[in-house]
Amino acid sequence: MNSNTLKHSTAALATIALGMGLAATANAKPSSQSEMNGYQTCLDAAERETKAMDTTRHYLLEKDADAKRYYINAYQWQNGKRVAVRVACTTSTNGRTLADIAVDEGRYTNSNARVTIEVAGK
């Protein structure tokens, strides 16, 4: 394969990948109202227990038949330094009732068992 053919093949693959990415973005659905309720319920509870936090625009979510478990990455200022904190909480399926919450230092990462969902309007 000569370099001209390679350049055209690479450009074609990039165009296809970009088109697939745009199609996936266009078909993505926003979070449901119950998911947004649960996210906000978790943040409100975490901020009552700790100092004010800056959250990221994503959270991880595990859904069960009777509850939703949120994993939220955030930052806090502690002793003049920005520290990564993580919030884990469980809510009812409609997101309005908090079952439990834990806040500690560290980060959550995406794994096969969890889904990353972008938070609209944050």
Foldseek 3Di string as FASTA:
>chain_A
DDPVVVVVVVVVVVVVVVVVVVVVVVPDDADDQLVVLQVVVQQVVVCVVDPHWAWDQKWKWADDPFKIKIKTWIWDQDPNDIFIKIKIWIATSSNNGTDDMDMDGDHDDDDPRIDIHGHPPD
